[in-house]
């Protein structure tokens, strides 16, 4: 009985092995591709990978970074919105800088008021007091001189009528009165002359320094409101109200790196394609005046002719593969810029990868 069971199990194992071998050996029909690869429309076309961008006469898309640090308190624009140059994009908390600017403004105004006070001298009331003091000094001198004249005449008539000491005191009083008149006259002349030119010059310099400090502070305060540097379209907003922004940009929790607060593109009716031609294919590119190219939209059979714009004459490492700063890339490419008119029946977006073939006209 036991031998029969072993025999049946052996037969079942053999049948299972034969079935497995059969199904494994059956050739399976290949799955059709998700989309047909872009065919080369030219006899000797050079293939390259391209990235759609907003059209710029030079450079790439505009990366918006703040020049100051702080908490974002308002974002009055939305992605896809067209903005004019000078439109407010992001507002950063400026309460501390605003208080500093107002303080420096008050200091500059106080310095200006003191400068105007110096230039307005002599004050009428002060000059009148100085003039009155001069008149009092002259009157005291007249009184002392009259007293001296009386004492002298009495002494001449009768030397015993006035003591020598009294006569000397009267003479000294006259000299003191003369000195007081001289002092009052000089004080009057000084008051009438107004502020010293050196004091005015010093105050002018202080006011100028405080005014410049306020101007610098006000200019820094304006940087807390980030405005559009050019006309364009807001392509990407990478921050939110309450987030912290710095001159390094804003922190991206997904990539773990810093990036621009906003990304702006051109509002032109054209889009651009930045094509990266491998360095080993650069020698096959035709003369710039003879370049023609076609772009293929991935996942479709749509092809769009491209208009040559310019070449960035610098072969650099291709770093657009995964946007990782620490990525090691051995491929070096030559950027070639094309443009095309936005199709009316197809939505294309900056950052979209496309296939491009370049050939000679």
Protein backbone atom coordinates (compact mmCIF):
# COMPACT_ATOMS: atom_id res chain seq x y z
CA UNK A 1 0.00 0.00 0.00
CA UNK A 2 2.80 2.33 0.91
CA UNK A 3 4.60 1.66 -2.36
CA UNK A 4 1.46 2.52 -4.34
CA UNK A 5 1.18 5.90 -2.62
CA UNK A 6 4.82 6.69 -3.36
CA UNK A 7 4.32 5.67 -6.97
CA UNK A 8 1.25 7.93 -7.34
CA UNK A 9 3.10 10.84 -5.80
CA UNK A 10 6.00 10.34 -8.18
CA UNK A 11 3.64 10.28 -11.15
CA UNK A 12 1.94 13.49 -9.98
CA UNK A 13 5.31 15.21 -9.52
CA UNK A 14 6.39 14.17 -12.99
CA UNK A 15 3.16 15.48 -14.50
CA UNK A 16 3.56 18.77 -12.61
CA UNK A 17 7.13 19.18 -13.83
CA UNK A 18 6.05 18.50 -17.43
CA UNK A 19 3.22 21.04 -17.15
CA UNK A 20 5.52 23.66 -15.68
CA UNK A 21 8.09 23.15 -18.41
CA UNK A 22 5.38 23.47 -21.04
CA UNK A 23 3.90 26.71 -19.76
CA UNK A 24 7.30 28.23 -19.15
CA UNK A 25 8.44 27.37 -22.61
CA UNK A 26 5.40 28.87 -24.30
CA UNK A 27 6.42 32.10 -26.06
CA UNK A 28 4.24 34.95 -24.87
CA UNK A 29 3.08 37.65 -27.21
CA UNK A 30 4.85 40.96 -26.54
CA UNK A 31 2.73 43.80 -25.17
CA UNK A 32 2.32 46.70 -27.57
CA UNK A 33 4.22 49.90 -26.57
CA UNK A 34 2.31 52.57 -24.72
CA UNK A 35 3.17 54.95 -27.57
CA UNK A 36 5.24 54.68 -30.68
CA UNK A 37 8.75 56.10 -30.35
CA UNK A 38 9.43 59.26 -32.28
CA UNK A 39 10.65 58.35 -35.77
CA UNK A 40 13.52 60.28 -37.33
CA UNK A 41 11.89 62.49 -39.98
CA UNK A 42 15.25 63.32 -41.54
CA UNK A 43 17.75 61.19 -43.37
CA UNK A 44 20.57 62.30 -41.07
CA UNK A 45 18.75 63.86 -38.16
CA UNK A 46 20.44 64.27 -34.79
CA UNK A 47 18.29 63.13 -31.85
CA UNK A 48 18.23 65.08 -28.60
CA UNK A 49 16.05 65.40 -25.56
CA UNK A 50 14.35 68.71 -24.98
CA UNK A 51 12.50 70.52 -22.20
CA UNK A 52 9.72 72.98 -22.90
CA UNK A 53 10.19 76.42 -21.35
CA UNK A 54 8.50 79.76 -21.53
CA UNK A 55 10.06 81.81 -24.28
CA UNK A 56 12.75 84.22 -23.15
CA UNK A 57 14.96 86.40 -25.34
CA UNK A 58 17.87 85.36 -23.11
CA UNK A 59 18.44 83.05 -20.19
CA UNK A 60 15.81 80.75 -18.77
CA UNK A 61 12.68 81.13 -16.69
CA UNK A 62 12.78 83.79 -13.98
CA UNK A 63 13.46 82.43 -10.49
CA UNK A 64 12.14 84.74 -7.77
CA UNK A 65 14.22 84.79 -4.57
CA UNK A 66 13.74 87.27 -1.70
CA UNK A 67 16.62 89.54 -0.69
CA UNK A 68 15.48 89.51 2.94
CA UNK A 69 14.36 86.84 5.39
CA UNK A 70 11.05 86.56 7.20
CA UNK A 71 7.64 84.93 7.44
CA UNK A 72 5.39 85.03 4.39
CA UNK A 73 2.19 86.92 5.28
CA UNK A 74 0.48 87.24 1.88
CA UNK A 75 0.60 85.77 -1.63
CA UNK A 76 -1.78 87.85 -3.78
CA UNK A 77 -1.13 85.86 -6.99
CA UNK A 78 -1.98 82.36 -8.16
CA UNK A 79 -0.29 79.85 -10.43
CA UNK A 80 -1.07 80.50 -14.06
CA UNK A 81 -1.88 84.17 -13.46
CA UNK A 82 -0.48 86.76 -15.85
CA UNK A 83 1.16 89.67 -14.04
CA UNK A 84 2.63 92.99 -15.09
CA UNK A 85 6.03 94.31 -14.10
CA UNK A 86 5.83 95.77 -10.58
CA UNK A 87 2.85 93.64 -9.47
CA UNK A 88 3.06 92.32 -5.93
CA UNK A 89 3.90 88.61 -5.80
CA UNK A 90 4.75 87.86 -2.16
CA UNK A 91 4.65 89.93 1.04
CA UNK A 92 7.04 89.11 3.91
CA UNK A 93 6.50 90.28 7.49
CA UNK A 94 8.25 93.66 7.78
CA UNK A 95 7.12 94.87 11.21
CA UNK A 96 10.65 95.11 12.69
CA UNK A 97 12.15 96.81 9.65
CA UNK A 98 9.19 99.19 9.43
CA UNK A 99 9.74 100.32 13.02
CA UNK A 100 13.45 100.84 12.35
CA UNK A 101 12.70 102.89 9.24
CA UNK A 102 10.19 105.07 11.12
CA UNK A 103 12.73 105.68 13.90
CA UNK A 104 15.40 106.76 11.40
CA UNK A 105 12.87 108.97 9.65
CA UNK A 106 12.08 110.74 12.94
CA UNK A 107 15.79 111.21 13.64
CA UNK A 108 16.32 112.72 10.19
CA UNK A 109 13.35 115.08 10.69
CA UNK A 110 14.70 116.17 14.09
CA UNK A 111 18.12 116.88 12.56
CA UNK A 112 16.46 118.90 9.79
CA UNK A 113 14.48 120.93 12.33
CA UNK A 114 17.68 121.76 14.24
CA UNK A 115 19.40 122.72 10.98
CA UNK A 116 16.54 125.05 10.07
CA UNK A 117 16.72 126.53 13.56
CA UNK A 118 20.43 127.30 13.13
CA UNK A 119 19.85 128.87 9.72
CA UNK A 120 16.98 130.98 11.08
CA UNK A 121 19.18 132.63 13.73
CA UNK A 122 19.25 135.27 15.10
CA UNK A 123 15.83 134.91 16.67
CA UNK A 124 14.08 138.26 16.92
CA UNK A 125 13.29 137.90 20.61
CA UNK A 126 16.88 136.87 21.46
CA UNK A 127 18.31 139.80 19.49
CA UNK A 128 16.04 142.24 21.30
CA UNK A 129 17.18 140.91 24.68
CA UNK A 130 20.82 141.27 23.66
CA UNK A 131 20.15 144.81 22.46
CA UNK A 132 18.44 145.69 25.76
CA UNK A 133 21.41 144.34 27.71
CA UNK A 134 23.69 146.59 25.63
CA UNK A 135 21.52 149.63 26.41
CA UNK A 136 21.57 148.78 30.13
CA UNK A 137 25.38 148.53 30.04
CA UNK A 138 25.61 151.92 28.30
CA UNK A 139 23.26 153.46 30.87
CA UNK A 140 25.36 152.07 33.72
CA UNK A 141 28.45 153.51 32.07
CA UNK A 142 26.78 156.93 31.80
CA UNK A 143 25.80 156.79 35.46
CA UNK A 144 29.35 155.84 36.50
CA UNK A 145 30.85 158.60 34.34
CA UNK A 146 28.48 161.22 35.78
CA UNK A 147 29.33 160.08 39.28
CA UNK A 148 33.04 160.32 38.50
CA UNK A 149 32.63 163.81 37.08
CA UNK A 150 30.83 165.00 40.20
CA UNK A 151 33.37 163.47 42.53
CA UNK A 152 36.28 164.89 40.53
CA UNK A 153 34.82 168.42 40.48
CA UNK A 154 34.15 168.29 44.21
CA UNK A 155 37.67 167.06 44.83
CA UNK A 156 39.09 169.92 42.76
CA UNK A 157 37.10 172.49 44.74
CA UNK A 158 37.87 170.97 48.10
CA UNK A 159 40.18 167.96 48.34
CA UNK A 160 38.81 167.24 51.78
CA UNK A 161 35.24 166.92 50.51
CA UNK A 162 35.93 163.55 48.82
CA UNK A 163 38.22 160.91 50.15
CA UNK A 164 40.89 159.49 47.91
CA UNK A 165 39.41 156.04 48.35
CA UNK A 166 35.95 157.10 47.17
CA UNK A 167 37.43 158.82 44.15
CA UNK A 168 39.35 155.66 43.24
CA UNK A 169 36.21 153.54 43.63
CA UNK A 170 34.29 155.79 41.26
CA UNK A 171 37.09 155.59 38.70
CA UNK A 172 37.11 151.80 38.96
CA UNK A 173 33.33 151.73 38.56
CA UNK A 174 33.70 153.66 35.31
CA UNK A 175 36.25 151.13 34.01
CA UNK A 176 34.00 148.24 34.99
CA UNK A 177 31.05 149.91 33.23
CA UNK A 178 33.15 150.36 30.08
CA UNK A 179 34.11 146.69 30.15
CA UNK A 180 30.45 145.72 30.54
CA UNK A 181 29.53 147.86 27.55
CA UNK A 182 32.25 146.20 25.46
CA UNK A 183 31.04 142.75 26.55
CA UNK A 184 27.38 143.59 25.83
CA UNK A 185 28.34 145.02 22.41
CA UNK A 186 30.20 141.85 21.45
CA UNK A 187 27.37 139.67 22.70
CA UNK A 188 24.95 141.70 20.61
CA UNK A 189 27.17 141.42 17.53
CA UNK A 190 27.48 137.65 18.08
CA UNK A 191 23.72 137.22 18.43
CA UNK A 192 23.08 139.38 15.38
CA UNK A 193 25.56 137.31 13.29
CA UNK A 194 23.48 134.16 13.79
CA UNK A 195 24.71 130.56 14.04
CA UNK A 196 28.36 129.74 13.42
CA UNK A 197 29.00 128.49 9.89
CA UNK A 198 30.83 125.45 11.27
CA UNK A 199 27.82 124.53 13.42
CA UNK A 200 25.56 124.79 10.37
CA UNK A 201 27.95 122.68 8.28
CA UNK A 202 28.18 120.04 11.01
CA UNK A 203 24.39 119.90 11.35
CA UNK A 204 23.99 119.66 7.57
CA UNK A 205 26.31 116.65 7.53
CA UNK A 206 24.44 115.01 10.41
CA UNK A 207 21.12 115.54 8.67
CA UNK A 208 22.52 114.18 5.40
CA UNK A 209 23.85 111.06 7.17
CA UNK A 210 20.53 110.42 8.91
CA UNK A 211 18.62 111.03 5.68
CA UNK A 212 20.76 108.50 3.83
CA UNK A 213 20.34 106.00 6.65
CA UNK A 214 16.57 106.43 6.39
CA UNK A 215 16.69 106.05 2.60
CA UNK A 216 18.64 102.81 2.95
CA UNK A 217 16.23 101.56 5.60
CA UNK A 218 13.22 102.47 3.45
CA UNK A 219 14.78 100.71 0.45
CA UNK A 220 15.31 97.61 2.57
CA UNK A 221 11.72 97.84 3.79
CA UNK A 222 10.49 97.84 0.19
CA UNK A 223 12.27 94.52 -0.40
CA UNK A 224 9.86 92.81 2.00
CA UNK A 225 7.29 93.19 -0.77
CA UNK A 226 8.48 91.05 -3.68
CA UNK A 227 7.31 92.40 -7.02
CA UNK A 228 7.39 91.02 -10.53
CA UNK A 229 10.65 92.05 -12.24
CA UNK A 230 9.13 91.65 -15.71
CA UNK A 231 5.81 90.99 -17.40
CA UNK A 232 5.04 87.29 -17.37
CA UNK A 233 3.05 84.38 -16.02
CA UNK A 234 3.35 82.85 -12.55
CA UNK A 235 4.26 79.26 -13.37
CA UNK A 236 4.89 77.93 -9.87
CA UNK A 237 4.34 79.14 -6.30
CA UNK A 238 6.60 77.15 -3.97
CA UNK A 239 5.68 78.74 -0.64
CA UNK A 240 2.60 79.40 1.46
CA UNK A 241 1.40 81.91 4.03
CA UNK A 242 3.19 81.24 7.31
CA UNK A 243 6.24 79.67 5.70
CA UNK A 244 9.71 81.07 6.33
CA UNK A 245 11.55 82.57 3.40
CA UNK A 246 15.20 83.55 3.15
CA UNK A 247 17.61 84.69 0.42
CA UNK A 248 18.25 80.98 -0.13
CA UNK A 249 14.59 80.58 -1.06
CA UNK A 250 12.07 78.31 0.59
CA UNK A 251 12.56 74.81 1.93
CA UNK A 252 11.03 71.99 -0.12
CA UNK A 253 10.04 69.16 2.22
CA UNK A 254 9.81 66.72 -0.71
CA UNK A 255 13.29 67.18 -2.17
CA UNK A 256 14.95 68.36 1.05
CA UNK A 257 16.52 71.34 -0.68
CA UNK A 258 15.92 75.06 -1.10
CA UNK A 259 14.31 76.55 -4.18
CA UNK A 260 12.83 79.82 -5.47
CA UNK A 261 9.66 81.21 -3.93
CA UNK A 262 8.12 81.63 -7.36
CA UNK A 263 8.94 80.70 -10.91
CA UNK A 264 7.89 83.10 -13.65
CA UNK A 265 7.74 82.52 -17.37
CA UNK A 266 7.21 84.75 -20.34
CA UNK A 267 3.76 85.79 -21.50
CA UNK A 268 4.70 85.60 -25.17
CA UNK A 269 2.55 83.68 -27.64
CA UNK A 270 5.48 81.33 -28.15
CA UNK A 271 7.04 78.61 -26.05
CA UNK A 272 10.69 77.62 -26.12
CA UNK A 273 12.39 74.23 -26.20
CA UNK A 274 15.79 73.86 -24.60
CA UNK A 275 17.40 70.94 -26.42
CA UNK A 276 20.42 69.16 -24.91
CA UNK A 277 22.64 67.78 -27.66
CA UNK A 278 25.12 65.15 -26.50
CA UNK A 279 28.73 66.27 -26.89
CA UNK A 280 29.52 63.32 -29.17
CA UNK A 281 26.83 64.55 -31.59
CA UNK A 282 27.70 68.25 -31.55
CA UNK A 283 30.01 67.93 -34.58
CA UNK A 284 27.04 66.65 -36.59
CA UNK A 285 25.00 69.81 -36.07
CA UNK A 286 24.62 71.89 -39.27
CA UNK A 287 25.52 75.55 -39.58
CA UNK A 288 23.27 77.72 -37.46
CA UNK A 289 21.71 79.40 -40.49
CA UNK A 290 20.82 75.97 -41.87
CA UNK A 291 19.34 74.36 -38.77
CA UNK A 292 15.84 72.95 -38.87
CA UNK A 293 14.15 70.75 -36.27
CA UNK A 294 10.96 68.97 -35.29
CA UNK A 295 9.57 68.24 -31.86
CA UNK A 296 7.59 65.14 -30.98
CA UNK A 297 5.11 65.16 -28.10
CA UNK A 298 5.54 62.01 -26.05
CA UNK A 299 2.51 59.76 -25.88
CA UNK A 300 1.08 61.16 -29.10
CA UNK A 301 1.86 61.19 -32.79
CA UNK A 302 1.97 64.99 -32.81
CA UNK A 303 5.01 66.65 -34.31
CA UNK A 304 5.65 70.40 -34.27
CA UNK A 305 8.21 72.23 -36.41
CA UNK A 306 10.66 74.35 -34.43
CA UNK A 307 12.24 77.70 -35.17
CA UNK A 308 15.93 78.02 -34.32
CA UNK A 309 16.70 80.83 -31.85
CA UNK A 310 20.22 80.51 -30.50
CA UNK A 311 22.92 78.26 -29.09
CA UNK A 312 24.34 78.62 -25.60
CA UNK A 313 28.00 78.19 -26.59
CA UNK A 314 29.07 76.31 -23.49
CA UNK A 315 29.06 72.54 -23.11
CA UNK A 316 28.07 71.74 -19.54
CA UNK A 317 27.06 68.72 -17.44
CA UNK A 318 23.46 67.69 -17.93
CA UNK A 319 21.84 68.24 -14.55
CA UNK A 320 18.19 68.13 -15.58
CA UNK A 321 17.80 64.39 -14.99
CA UNK A 322 16.37 64.39 -11.49
CA UNK A 323 17.01 67.92 -10.17
CA UNK A 324 19.24 66.53 -7.42
CA UNK A 325 22.17 68.76 -6.58
CA UNK A 326 24.39 65.86 -5.54
CA UNK A 327 23.63 63.79 -8.61
CA UNK A 328 26.73 62.58 -10.46
CA UNK A 329 26.38 63.10 -14.18
CA UNK A 330 28.91 62.06 -16.80
CA UNK A 331 26.91 63.31 -19.78
CA UNK A 332 27.91 66.70 -21.15
CA UNK A 333 25.60 68.55 -23.50
CA UNK A 334 25.30 71.65 -25.64
CA UNK A 335 22.04 73.61 -25.05
CA UNK A 336 20.29 74.69 -28.26
CA UNK A 337 17.23 76.91 -27.99
CA UNK A 338 14.24 76.66 -30.35
CA UNK A 339 10.80 78.18 -30.19
CA UNK A 340 7.35 77.39 -31.53
CA UNK A 341 3.92 78.97 -31.49
CA UNK A 342 1.58 77.70 -28.81
CA UNK A 343 -0.83 75.20 -30.42
CA UNK A 344 -4.50 76.12 -30.00
CA UNK A 345 -5.78 72.57 -29.69
CA UNK A 346 -3.08 71.17 -27.39
CA UNK A 347 -2.01 72.12 -23.90
CA UNK A 348 1.76 72.11 -23.42
CA UNK A 349 3.48 73.08 -20.19
CA UNK A 350 6.96 74.30 -19.28
CA UNK A 351 9.03 71.47 -17.85
CA UNK A 352 7.53 68.88 -20.22
CA UNK A 353 10.04 66.52 -21.85
CA UNK A 354 9.94 66.14 -25.63
CA UNK A 355 11.93 64.38 -28.34
CA UNK A 356 13.65 66.55 -30.93
CA UNK A 357 15.39 65.76 -34.21
CA UNK A 358 17.75 68.35 -35.70
CA UNK A 359 18.91 68.38 -39.32
CA UNK A 360 20.08 70.65 -42.09
CA UNK A 361 17.66 72.58 -44.25
